[in-house]
N, C-alpha and C. Protein backbone atom coordinates (compact mmCIF):
# COMPACT_ATOMS: atom_id res chain seq x y z
N UNK A 1 -45.26 -19.34 -44.84
CA UNK A 1 -45.00 -17.96 -45.18
C UNK A 1 -46.31 -17.30 -45.58
N UNK A 2 -46.50 -16.08 -45.11
CA UNK A 2 -47.72 -15.37 -45.46
C UNK A 2 -47.58 -14.76 -46.85
N UNK A 3 -48.68 -14.70 -47.54
CA UNK A 3 -48.65 -14.03 -48.83
C UNK A 3 -48.72 -12.53 -48.56
N UNK A 4 -48.40 -11.73 -49.58
CA UNK A 4 -48.46 -10.29 -49.42
C UNK A 4 -49.86 -9.84 -49.03
N UNK A 5 -50.88 -10.45 -49.60
CA UNK A 5 -52.26 -10.10 -49.28
C UNK A 5 -52.61 -10.40 -47.84
N UNK A 6 -52.18 -11.55 -47.37
CA UNK A 6 -52.44 -11.93 -45.98
C UNK A 6 -51.73 -10.99 -45.03
N UNK A 7 -50.49 -10.67 -45.32
CA UNK A 7 -49.71 -9.76 -44.49
C UNK A 7 -50.36 -8.38 -44.47
N UNK A 8 -50.81 -7.91 -45.62
CA UNK A 8 -51.45 -6.61 -45.73
C UNK A 8 -52.74 -6.57 -44.91
N UNK A 9 -53.51 -7.65 -44.96
CA UNK A 9 -54.75 -7.71 -44.16
C UNK A 9 -54.43 -7.66 -42.67
N UNK A 10 -53.36 -8.34 -42.28
CA UNK A 10 -52.95 -8.35 -40.88
C UNK A 10 -52.55 -6.94 -40.44
N UNK A 11 -51.78 -6.24 -41.27
CA UNK A 11 -51.37 -4.87 -40.97
C UNK A 11 -52.59 -3.97 -40.89
N UNK A 12 -53.52 -4.12 -41.83
CA UNK A 12 -54.74 -3.32 -41.81
C UNK A 12 -55.54 -3.58 -40.54
N UNK A 13 -55.63 -4.83 -40.12
CA UNK A 13 -56.38 -5.16 -38.90
C UNK A 13 -55.70 -4.55 -37.67
N UNK A 14 -54.38 -4.56 -37.64
CA UNK A 14 -53.66 -3.93 -36.53
C UNK A 14 -53.94 -2.43 -36.48
N UNK A 15 -54.01 -1.80 -37.64
CA UNK A 15 -54.34 -0.36 -37.68
C UNK A 15 -55.75 -0.11 -37.15
N UNK A 16 -56.67 -0.97 -37.57
CA UNK A 16 -58.06 -0.84 -37.08
C UNK A 16 -58.10 -0.99 -35.57
N UNK A 17 -57.37 -1.95 -35.05
CA UNK A 17 -57.33 -2.14 -33.60
C UNK A 17 -56.78 -0.90 -32.90
N UNK A 18 -55.75 -0.33 -33.47
CA UNK A 18 -55.18 0.89 -32.89
C UNK A 18 -56.22 2.00 -32.83
N UNK A 19 -56.97 2.16 -33.91
CA UNK A 19 -58.03 3.18 -33.93
C UNK A 19 -59.11 2.86 -32.91
N UNK A 20 -59.47 1.58 -32.81
CA UNK A 20 -60.49 1.17 -31.84
C UNK A 20 -59.99 1.42 -30.41
N UNK A 21 -58.72 1.14 -30.16
CA UNK A 21 -58.16 1.37 -28.84
C UNK A 21 -58.15 2.86 -28.52
N UNK A 22 -57.83 3.68 -29.52
CA UNK A 22 -57.82 5.13 -29.31
C UNK A 22 -59.21 5.64 -28.96
N UNK A 23 -60.24 4.96 -29.45
CA UNK A 23 -61.62 5.34 -29.13
C UNK A 23 -62.07 4.74 -27.80
N UNK A 24 -61.17 3.98 -27.16
CA UNK A 24 -61.51 3.41 -25.85
C UNK A 24 -62.19 2.06 -25.89
N UNK A 25 -62.17 1.39 -27.02
CA UNK A 25 -62.80 0.08 -27.13
C UNK A 25 -61.86 -0.98 -26.55
N UNK A 26 -62.18 -1.46 -25.35
CA UNK A 26 -61.31 -2.39 -24.63
C UNK A 26 -61.10 -3.71 -25.35
N UNK A 27 -62.05 -4.17 -26.06
CA UNK A 27 -61.94 -5.45 -26.76
C UNK A 27 -60.82 -5.45 -27.79
N UNK A 28 -60.49 -4.29 -28.34
CA UNK A 28 -59.44 -4.21 -29.35
C UNK A 28 -58.08 -4.56 -28.75
N UNK A 29 -57.82 -4.06 -27.54
CA UNK A 29 -56.55 -4.40 -26.90
C UNK A 29 -56.50 -5.89 -26.56
N UNK A 30 -57.59 -6.42 -26.07
CA UNK A 30 -57.65 -7.84 -25.72
C UNK A 30 -57.35 -8.69 -26.95
N UNK A 31 -57.92 -8.31 -28.08
CA UNK A 31 -57.70 -9.05 -29.32
C UNK A 31 -56.24 -8.94 -29.77
N UNK A 32 -55.68 -7.74 -29.70
CA UNK A 32 -54.28 -7.53 -30.07
C UNK A 32 -53.38 -8.37 -29.17
N UNK A 33 -53.64 -8.32 -27.88
CA UNK A 33 -52.84 -9.08 -26.91
C UNK A 33 -52.94 -10.57 -27.19
N UNK A 34 -54.12 -11.06 -27.42
CA UNK A 34 -54.33 -12.48 -27.69
C UNK A 34 -53.60 -12.92 -28.96
N UNK A 35 -53.59 -12.07 -29.98
CA UNK A 35 -52.94 -12.42 -31.24
C UNK A 35 -51.42 -12.47 -31.14
N UNK A 36 -50.83 -11.63 -30.29
CA UNK A 36 -49.38 -11.49 -30.27
C UNK A 36 -48.68 -12.09 -29.05
N UNK A 37 -49.36 -12.28 -27.94
CA UNK A 37 -48.66 -12.62 -26.68
C UNK A 37 -47.83 -13.89 -26.77
N UNK A 38 -48.37 -14.95 -27.34
CA UNK A 38 -47.63 -16.21 -27.38
C UNK A 38 -46.41 -16.11 -28.27
N UNK A 39 -46.58 -15.54 -29.45
CA UNK A 39 -45.44 -15.40 -30.36
C UNK A 39 -44.36 -14.51 -29.76
N UNK A 40 -44.78 -13.42 -29.12
CA UNK A 40 -43.80 -12.51 -28.51
C UNK A 40 -43.09 -13.19 -27.34
N UNK A 41 -43.83 -13.96 -26.57
CA UNK A 41 -43.22 -14.67 -25.44
C UNK A 41 -42.17 -15.68 -25.96
N UNK A 42 -42.53 -16.44 -26.98
CA UNK A 42 -41.57 -17.41 -27.53
C UNK A 42 -40.34 -16.70 -28.06
N UNK A 43 -40.53 -15.57 -28.70
CA UNK A 43 -39.41 -14.80 -29.22
C UNK A 43 -38.55 -14.30 -28.07
N UNK A 44 -39.17 -13.72 -27.06
CA UNK A 44 -38.43 -13.23 -25.90
C UNK A 44 -37.68 -14.36 -25.21
N UNK A 45 -38.32 -15.50 -25.08
CA UNK A 45 -37.69 -16.66 -24.45
C UNK A 45 -36.47 -17.11 -25.24
N UNK A 46 -36.54 -17.01 -26.55
CA UNK A 46 -35.39 -17.40 -27.38
C UNK A 46 -34.22 -16.45 -27.18
N UNK A 47 -34.50 -15.23 -26.75
CA UNK A 47 -33.43 -14.25 -26.52
C UNK A 47 -32.87 -14.30 -25.11
N UNK A 48 -33.74 -14.27 -24.11
CA UNK A 48 -33.27 -14.15 -22.73
C UNK A 48 -33.13 -15.48 -22.00
N UNK A 49 -33.79 -16.52 -22.50
CA UNK A 49 -33.70 -17.86 -21.93
C UNK A 49 -34.13 -17.91 -20.46
N UNK A 50 -35.09 -17.10 -20.13
CA UNK A 50 -35.59 -17.04 -18.76
C UNK A 50 -37.07 -16.71 -18.84
N UNK A 51 -37.90 -17.58 -18.30
CA UNK A 51 -39.35 -17.42 -18.43
C UNK A 51 -39.84 -16.10 -17.86
N UNK A 52 -39.42 -15.78 -16.65
CA UNK A 52 -39.89 -14.57 -16.00
C UNK A 52 -39.46 -13.32 -16.76
N UNK A 53 -38.21 -13.30 -17.20
CA UNK A 53 -37.72 -12.15 -17.96
C UNK A 53 -38.45 -12.03 -19.29
N UNK A 54 -38.77 -13.17 -19.92
CA UNK A 54 -39.50 -13.15 -21.18
C UNK A 54 -40.91 -12.59 -20.97
N UNK A 55 -41.57 -13.04 -19.92
CA UNK A 55 -42.91 -12.53 -19.61
C UNK A 55 -42.87 -11.03 -19.34
N UNK A 56 -41.88 -10.60 -18.57
CA UNK A 56 -41.75 -9.17 -18.26
C UNK A 56 -41.53 -8.35 -19.53
N UNK A 57 -40.69 -8.85 -20.43
CA UNK A 57 -40.41 -8.12 -21.67
C UNK A 57 -41.68 -7.96 -22.50
N UNK A 58 -42.48 -9.01 -22.58
CA UNK A 58 -43.72 -8.95 -23.35
C UNK A 58 -44.70 -7.96 -22.71
N UNK A 59 -44.85 -8.05 -21.41
CA UNK A 59 -45.76 -7.13 -20.72
C UNK A 59 -45.31 -5.69 -20.89
N UNK A 60 -44.00 -5.46 -20.76
CA UNK A 60 -43.47 -4.11 -20.94
C UNK A 60 -43.72 -3.59 -22.35
N UNK A 61 -43.61 -4.47 -23.33
CA UNK A 61 -43.84 -4.06 -24.72
C UNK A 61 -45.30 -3.64 -24.91
N UNK A 62 -46.22 -4.40 -24.36
CA UNK A 62 -47.63 -4.04 -24.47
C UNK A 62 -47.93 -2.73 -23.72
N UNK A 63 -47.31 -2.56 -22.56
CA UNK A 63 -47.49 -1.30 -21.82
C UNK A 63 -46.96 -0.13 -22.63
N UNK A 64 -45.83 -0.34 -23.29
CA UNK A 64 -45.27 0.71 -24.15
C UNK A 64 -46.22 1.06 -25.29
N UNK A 65 -46.84 0.04 -25.87
CA UNK A 65 -47.82 0.25 -26.95
C UNK A 65 -48.96 1.12 -26.44
N UNK A 66 -49.48 0.77 -25.25
CA UNK A 66 -50.61 1.52 -24.68
C UNK A 66 -50.19 2.96 -24.38
N UNK A 67 -48.98 3.14 -23.85
CA UNK A 67 -48.49 4.51 -23.57
C UNK A 67 -48.38 5.32 -24.86
N UNK A 68 -47.85 4.71 -25.91
CA UNK A 68 -47.74 5.40 -27.20
C UNK A 68 -49.13 5.80 -27.70
N UNK A 69 -50.06 4.88 -27.58
CA UNK A 69 -51.43 5.14 -28.02
C UNK A 69 -52.04 6.28 -27.20
N UNK A 70 -51.86 6.25 -25.88
CA UNK A 70 -52.42 7.27 -25.01
C UNK A 70 -51.82 8.65 -25.30
N UNK A 71 -50.57 8.66 -25.74
CA UNK A 71 -49.91 9.92 -26.07
C UNK A 71 -50.24 10.39 -27.48
N UNK A 72 -51.08 9.63 -28.18
CA UNK A 72 -51.45 10.00 -29.54
C UNK A 72 -50.37 9.69 -30.56
N UNK A 73 -49.43 8.82 -30.22
CA UNK A 73 -48.32 8.47 -31.11
C UNK A 73 -48.28 6.98 -31.41
N UNK A 74 -49.42 6.39 -31.59
CA UNK A 74 -49.47 4.94 -31.84
C UNK A 74 -48.71 4.61 -33.12
N UNK A 75 -47.83 3.61 -33.05
CA UNK A 75 -47.12 3.17 -34.26
C UNK A 75 -48.12 2.68 -35.31
N UNK A 76 -47.74 2.82 -36.57
CA UNK A 76 -48.63 2.41 -37.67
C UNK A 76 -48.91 0.92 -37.65
N UNK A 77 -47.92 0.12 -37.29
CA UNK A 77 -48.09 -1.33 -37.31
C UNK A 77 -47.75 -1.90 -35.94
N UNK A 78 -48.66 -2.66 -35.39
CA UNK A 78 -48.46 -3.24 -34.06
C UNK A 78 -47.34 -4.27 -34.06
N UNK A 79 -47.36 -5.18 -35.02
CA UNK A 79 -46.39 -6.28 -35.03
C UNK A 79 -44.95 -5.82 -34.98
N UNK A 80 -44.51 -5.04 -35.95
CA UNK A 80 -43.11 -4.59 -35.92
C UNK A 80 -42.76 -3.81 -34.64
N UNK A 81 -43.69 -2.97 -34.19
CA UNK A 81 -43.43 -2.22 -32.96
C UNK A 81 -43.25 -3.18 -31.78
N UNK A 82 -44.15 -4.15 -31.64
CA UNK A 82 -44.10 -5.06 -30.50
C UNK A 82 -42.86 -5.95 -30.55
N UNK A 83 -42.52 -6.47 -31.73
CA UNK A 83 -41.31 -7.29 -31.83
C UNK A 83 -40.06 -6.47 -31.49
N UNK A 84 -39.98 -5.26 -32.03
CA UNK A 84 -38.81 -4.41 -31.74
C UNK A 84 -38.76 -4.06 -30.25
N UNK A 85 -39.91 -3.79 -29.68
CA UNK A 85 -39.97 -3.45 -28.26
C UNK A 85 -39.54 -4.63 -27.39
N UNK A 86 -40.03 -5.81 -27.70
CA UNK A 86 -39.63 -7.01 -26.96
C UNK A 86 -38.13 -7.23 -27.11
N UNK A 87 -37.63 -7.11 -28.31
CA UNK A 87 -36.20 -7.32 -28.54
C UNK A 87 -35.37 -6.34 -27.73
N UNK A 88 -35.74 -5.06 -27.76
CA UNK A 88 -34.99 -4.06 -27.02
C UNK A 88 -35.01 -4.34 -25.52
N UNK A 89 -36.16 -4.71 -25.01
CA UNK A 89 -36.26 -5.02 -23.57
C UNK A 89 -35.44 -6.25 -23.20
N UNK A 90 -35.43 -7.24 -24.08
CA UNK A 90 -34.63 -8.43 -23.82
C UNK A 90 -33.14 -8.11 -23.85
N UNK A 91 -32.74 -7.33 -24.84
CA UNK A 91 -31.32 -6.97 -24.93
C UNK A 91 -30.90 -6.15 -23.72
N UNK A 92 -31.76 -5.27 -23.23
CA UNK A 92 -31.46 -4.52 -22.00
C UNK A 92 -31.25 -5.47 -20.83
N UNK A 93 -32.11 -6.45 -20.71
CA UNK A 93 -31.99 -7.43 -19.61
C UNK A 93 -30.70 -8.23 -19.74
N UNK A 94 -30.36 -8.60 -20.97
CA UNK A 94 -29.13 -9.36 -21.18
C UNK A 94 -27.89 -8.53 -20.86
N UNK A 95 -27.93 -7.25 -21.15
CA UNK A 95 -26.80 -6.38 -20.81
C UNK A 95 -26.60 -6.28 -19.31
N UNK A 96 -27.71 -6.26 -18.59
CA UNK A 96 -27.63 -6.19 -17.13
C UNK A 96 -27.25 -7.53 -16.51
N UNK A 97 -27.46 -8.61 -17.24
CA UNK A 97 -27.23 -9.96 -16.74
C UNK A 97 -26.47 -10.73 -17.81
N UNK A 98 -25.17 -10.48 -17.95
CA UNK A 98 -24.43 -11.05 -19.07
C UNK A 98 -24.30 -12.56 -19.06
N UNK A 99 -24.30 -13.20 -17.91
CA UNK A 99 -24.14 -14.64 -17.86
C UNK A 99 -25.50 -15.29 -17.67
N UNK A 100 -25.99 -15.97 -18.70
CA UNK A 100 -27.30 -16.60 -18.65
C UNK A 100 -27.11 -18.11 -18.68
N UNK A 101 -27.64 -18.77 -17.68
CA UNK A 101 -27.53 -20.23 -17.62
C UNK A 101 -28.58 -20.87 -18.52
N UNK A 102 -28.23 -21.98 -19.12
CA UNK A 102 -29.18 -22.72 -19.92
C UNK A 102 -30.15 -23.42 -18.97
N UNK A 103 -31.42 -23.45 -19.34
CA UNK A 103 -32.41 -24.12 -18.49
C UNK A 103 -33.46 -24.83 -19.35
N UNK A 104 -34.43 -25.40 -18.69
CA UNK A 104 -35.48 -26.16 -19.37
C UNK A 104 -36.28 -25.30 -20.32
N UNK A 105 -36.35 -23.99 -20.08
CA UNK A 105 -37.12 -23.10 -20.95
C UNK A 105 -36.61 -23.17 -22.38
N UNK A 106 -35.32 -23.40 -22.54
CA UNK A 106 -34.77 -23.48 -23.90
C UNK A 106 -35.32 -24.69 -24.64
N UNK A 107 -35.51 -25.76 -23.94
CA UNK A 107 -36.02 -26.97 -24.58
C UNK A 107 -37.42 -26.74 -25.09
N UNK A 108 -38.20 -25.91 -24.40
CA UNK A 108 -39.56 -25.61 -24.81
C UNK A 108 -39.61 -24.80 -26.10
N UNK A 109 -38.51 -24.13 -26.41
CA UNK A 109 -38.49 -23.25 -27.58
C UNK A 109 -38.95 -23.95 -28.85
N UNK A 110 -38.51 -25.15 -29.04
CA UNK A 110 -38.86 -25.88 -30.27
C UNK A 110 -39.81 -27.03 -29.99
N UNK A 111 -40.60 -26.90 -28.93
CA UNK A 111 -41.48 -28.00 -28.55
C UNK A 111 -42.37 -28.40 -29.71
N UNK A 112 -42.48 -29.68 -29.88
CA UNK A 112 -43.32 -30.24 -30.93
C UNK A 112 -44.10 -31.39 -30.31
N UNK A 113 -45.12 -31.85 -30.97
CA UNK A 113 -45.89 -32.97 -30.42
C UNK A 113 -44.98 -34.17 -30.15
N UNK A 114 -45.26 -34.83 -29.05
CA UNK A 114 -44.45 -36.00 -28.69
C UNK A 114 -44.63 -37.09 -29.75
N UNK A 115 -43.59 -37.82 -29.97
CA UNK A 115 -43.65 -38.89 -30.96
C UNK A 115 -42.74 -40.02 -30.53
N UNK A 116 -42.24 -40.73 -31.48
CA UNK A 116 -41.38 -41.85 -31.17
C UNK A 116 -40.03 -41.36 -30.62
N UNK A 117 -39.26 -42.27 -30.07
CA UNK A 117 -37.98 -41.94 -29.43
C UNK A 117 -37.02 -41.22 -30.39
N UNK A 118 -36.98 -41.66 -31.62
CA UNK A 118 -36.06 -41.05 -32.58
C UNK A 118 -36.41 -39.58 -32.82
N UNK A 119 -37.69 -39.31 -32.98
CA UNK A 119 -38.12 -37.93 -33.23
C UNK A 119 -37.87 -37.05 -32.00
N UNK A 120 -38.11 -37.59 -30.81
CA UNK A 120 -37.86 -36.83 -29.58
C UNK A 120 -36.37 -36.53 -29.46
N UNK A 121 -35.53 -37.54 -29.74
CA UNK A 121 -34.08 -37.32 -29.70
C UNK A 121 -33.63 -36.28 -30.70
N UNK A 122 -34.19 -36.32 -31.88
CA UNK A 122 -33.86 -35.35 -32.92
C UNK A 122 -34.30 -33.95 -32.51
N UNK A 123 -35.48 -33.85 -31.91
CA UNK A 123 -35.98 -32.54 -31.46
C UNK A 123 -35.05 -31.96 -30.39
N UNK A 124 -34.60 -32.78 -29.44
CA UNK A 124 -33.68 -32.31 -28.40
C UNK A 124 -32.34 -31.90 -29.01
N UNK A 125 -31.88 -32.67 -29.97
CA UNK A 125 -30.62 -32.32 -30.64
C UNK A 125 -30.76 -31.00 -31.37
N UNK A 126 -31.88 -30.81 -32.05
CA UNK A 126 -32.11 -29.55 -32.76
C UNK A 126 -32.17 -28.38 -31.79
N UNK A 127 -32.81 -28.57 -30.64
CA UNK A 127 -32.83 -27.52 -29.61
C UNK A 127 -31.42 -27.13 -29.21
N UNK A 128 -30.60 -28.12 -28.90
CA UNK A 128 -29.23 -27.83 -28.48
C UNK A 128 -28.45 -27.14 -29.58
N UNK A 129 -28.62 -27.60 -30.81
CA UNK A 129 -27.89 -27.01 -31.93
C UNK A 129 -28.33 -25.57 -32.19
N UNK A 130 -29.62 -25.34 -32.11
CA UNK A 130 -30.12 -23.99 -32.32
C UNK A 130 -29.56 -23.05 -31.26
N UNK A 131 -29.55 -23.51 -30.03
CA UNK A 131 -29.04 -22.67 -28.94
C UNK A 131 -27.53 -22.47 -29.02
N UNK A 132 -26.84 -23.34 -29.74
CA UNK A 132 -25.40 -23.20 -29.90
C UNK A 132 -25.02 -22.23 -31.01
N UNK A 133 -26.00 -21.84 -31.84
CA UNK A 133 -25.73 -20.89 -32.92
C UNK A 133 -25.37 -19.53 -32.33
N UNK A 134 -24.61 -18.73 -33.07
CA UNK A 134 -24.40 -17.35 -32.64
C UNK A 134 -25.76 -16.65 -32.49
N UNK A 135 -25.85 -15.77 -31.53
CA UNK A 135 -27.11 -15.13 -31.18
C UNK A 135 -27.83 -14.52 -32.39
N UNK A 136 -27.08 -13.82 -33.26
CA UNK A 136 -27.70 -13.16 -34.41
C UNK A 136 -28.30 -14.17 -35.37
N UNK A 137 -27.61 -15.29 -35.57
CA UNK A 137 -28.13 -16.32 -36.47
C UNK A 137 -29.36 -16.99 -35.86
N UNK A 138 -29.27 -17.32 -34.57
CA UNK A 138 -30.40 -17.96 -33.90
C UNK A 138 -31.64 -17.07 -33.98
N UNK A 139 -31.45 -15.79 -33.76
CA UNK A 139 -32.58 -14.86 -33.79
C UNK A 139 -33.23 -14.83 -35.17
N UNK A 140 -32.43 -14.81 -36.23
CA UNK A 140 -32.98 -14.80 -37.58
C UNK A 140 -33.77 -16.08 -37.85
N UNK A 141 -33.22 -17.22 -37.45
CA UNK A 141 -33.92 -18.50 -37.67
C UNK A 141 -35.25 -18.51 -36.92
N UNK A 142 -35.23 -18.09 -35.67
CA UNK A 142 -36.46 -18.09 -34.86
C UNK A 142 -37.50 -17.16 -35.47
N UNK A 143 -37.08 -15.95 -35.83
CA UNK A 143 -38.04 -14.97 -36.37
C UNK A 143 -38.58 -15.40 -37.73
N UNK A 144 -37.73 -15.96 -38.55
CA UNK A 144 -38.17 -16.35 -39.90
C UNK A 144 -39.00 -17.64 -39.87
N UNK A 145 -38.55 -18.60 -39.10
CA UNK A 145 -39.18 -19.91 -39.11
C UNK A 145 -40.43 -19.99 -38.25
N UNK A 146 -40.35 -19.51 -37.03
CA UNK A 146 -41.47 -19.66 -36.11
C UNK A 146 -42.39 -18.45 -36.06
N UNK A 147 -41.88 -17.30 -36.47
CA UNK A 147 -42.71 -16.09 -36.41
C UNK A 147 -43.06 -15.55 -37.78
N UNK A 148 -42.54 -16.18 -38.82
CA UNK A 148 -42.88 -15.87 -40.21
C UNK A 148 -42.64 -14.41 -40.57
N UNK A 149 -41.62 -13.80 -39.97
CA UNK A 149 -41.28 -12.43 -40.32
C UNK A 149 -40.49 -12.41 -41.62
N UNK A 150 -40.71 -11.39 -42.40
CA UNK A 150 -39.96 -11.21 -43.64
C UNK A 150 -38.53 -10.78 -43.29
N UNK A 151 -37.59 -11.03 -44.21
CA UNK A 151 -36.20 -10.67 -43.96
C UNK A 151 -36.04 -9.16 -43.76
N UNK A 152 -36.85 -8.38 -44.44
CA UNK A 152 -36.76 -6.92 -44.27
C UNK A 152 -37.10 -6.52 -42.83
N UNK A 153 -38.11 -7.16 -42.26
CA UNK A 153 -38.49 -6.86 -40.87
C UNK A 153 -37.41 -7.33 -39.90
N UNK A 154 -36.84 -8.50 -40.17
CA UNK A 154 -35.78 -9.03 -39.32
C UNK A 154 -34.56 -8.11 -39.39
N UNK A 155 -34.22 -7.69 -40.59
CA UNK A 155 -33.08 -6.78 -40.75
C UNK A 155 -33.31 -5.48 -40.00
N UNK A 156 -34.52 -4.97 -40.07
CA UNK A 156 -34.83 -3.73 -39.34
C UNK A 156 -34.69 -3.94 -37.83
N UNK A 157 -35.15 -5.09 -37.33
CA UNK A 157 -35.01 -5.38 -35.90
C UNK A 157 -33.55 -5.46 -35.48
N UNK A 158 -32.75 -6.09 -36.32
CA UNK A 158 -31.34 -6.28 -35.98
C UNK A 158 -30.47 -5.08 -36.37
N UNK A 159 -31.04 -4.15 -37.09
CA UNK A 159 -30.27 -2.98 -37.52
C UNK A 159 -29.20 -3.32 -38.53
N UNK A 160 -29.53 -4.22 -39.45
CA UNK A 160 -28.59 -4.66 -40.46
C UNK A 160 -29.23 -4.57 -41.84
N UNK A 161 -28.42 -4.65 -42.90
CA UNK A 161 -29.00 -4.73 -44.24
C UNK A 161 -29.76 -6.05 -44.41
N UNK A 162 -30.72 -6.06 -45.31
CA UNK A 162 -31.50 -7.27 -45.58
C UNK A 162 -30.60 -8.42 -45.97
N UNK A 163 -29.59 -8.16 -46.79
CA UNK A 163 -28.69 -9.23 -47.23
C UNK A 163 -27.95 -9.87 -46.06
N UNK A 164 -27.67 -9.10 -45.02
CA UNK A 164 -27.01 -9.65 -43.84
C UNK A 164 -27.96 -10.60 -43.12
N UNK A 165 -29.22 -10.22 -42.99
CA UNK A 165 -30.21 -11.10 -42.35
C UNK A 165 -30.36 -12.39 -43.15
N UNK A 166 -30.41 -12.28 -44.46
CA UNK A 166 -30.52 -13.46 -45.32
C UNK A 166 -29.28 -14.35 -45.17
N UNK A 167 -28.12 -13.74 -45.17
CA UNK A 167 -26.88 -14.51 -45.03
C UNK A 167 -26.83 -15.22 -43.67
N UNK A 168 -27.22 -14.54 -42.61
CA UNK A 168 -27.24 -15.17 -41.29
C UNK A 168 -28.17 -16.38 -41.28
N UNK A 169 -29.30 -16.24 -41.92
CA UNK A 169 -30.27 -17.33 -42.00
C UNK A 169 -29.67 -18.52 -42.73
N UNK A 170 -29.06 -18.27 -43.87
CA UNK A 170 -28.50 -19.36 -44.66
C UNK A 170 -27.30 -20.02 -43.97
N UNK A 171 -26.45 -19.20 -43.34
CA UNK A 171 -25.32 -19.78 -42.59
C UNK A 171 -25.84 -20.64 -41.44
N UNK A 172 -26.86 -20.16 -40.75
CA UNK A 172 -27.42 -20.92 -39.63
C UNK A 172 -28.02 -22.23 -40.12
N UNK A 173 -28.78 -22.19 -41.20
CA UNK A 173 -29.38 -23.43 -41.72
C UNK A 173 -28.31 -24.42 -42.17
N UNK A 174 -27.27 -23.92 -42.81
CA UNK A 174 -26.19 -24.80 -43.25
C UNK A 174 -25.52 -25.45 -42.05
N UNK A 175 -25.29 -24.68 -41.01
CA UNK A 175 -24.67 -25.23 -39.80
C UNK A 175 -25.59 -26.25 -39.13
N UNK A 176 -26.87 -25.94 -39.06
CA UNK A 176 -27.82 -26.88 -38.47
C UNK A 176 -27.88 -28.18 -39.26
N UNK A 177 -27.91 -28.06 -40.60
CA UNK A 177 -27.94 -29.28 -41.45
C UNK A 177 -26.69 -30.14 -41.22
N UNK A 178 -25.55 -29.47 -41.20
CA UNK A 178 -24.28 -30.18 -41.01
C UNK A 178 -24.27 -30.90 -39.66
N UNK A 179 -24.69 -30.22 -38.62
CA UNK A 179 -24.69 -30.81 -37.28
C UNK A 179 -25.73 -31.92 -37.17
N UNK A 180 -26.89 -31.72 -37.78
CA UNK A 180 -27.92 -32.76 -37.74
C UNK A 180 -27.49 -34.01 -38.50
N UNK A 181 -26.79 -33.81 -39.64
CA UNK A 181 -26.27 -34.94 -40.39
C UNK A 181 -25.28 -35.72 -39.55
N UNK A 182 -24.45 -35.02 -38.80
CA UNK A 182 -23.46 -35.67 -37.93
C UNK A 182 -24.16 -36.40 -36.79
N UNK A 183 -25.33 -35.90 -36.39
CA UNK A 183 -26.10 -36.50 -35.29
C UNK A 183 -26.66 -37.87 -35.69
N UNK A 184 -27.00 -37.99 -36.97
CA UNK A 184 -27.61 -39.24 -37.46
C UNK A 184 -26.59 -40.28 -37.57
């Protein structure tokens, strides 16, 4: 978890990048893209479960950022804007394609360093259990655990009160613990 100071520095750096991009400094966009692309891709993949759609959602989000900047309406914070943009694009894709088949991309979601057979089996079980969670709970777990977003930011993304995001997180963790205990 990031401390308030670390988070504030990150937000300040994103603002600086926005100003640099507005002045036409190409390196600022490259740095912003490098900092966010992997996390946004993993988040998109957790939502759409399709590599190509996840990549498209991330690219579209960055294009949207650039368009906002070019129009003189750059969002104050890159991170929240990009996560919300990726989420919206993924949800649009899911609405157009309601039946999504499970594939190998889901297994990559929780990829960890290879280890002994027991750990690999546990990792695969956790992948399956996470994907079996209701979408809203899975999203909160992914955003909180792997993307280190605060509950307030998650709640804003999901359009819910903070307490709802917290409750979804706790319900999801309880369900995961129960299922993992049964797995052992």
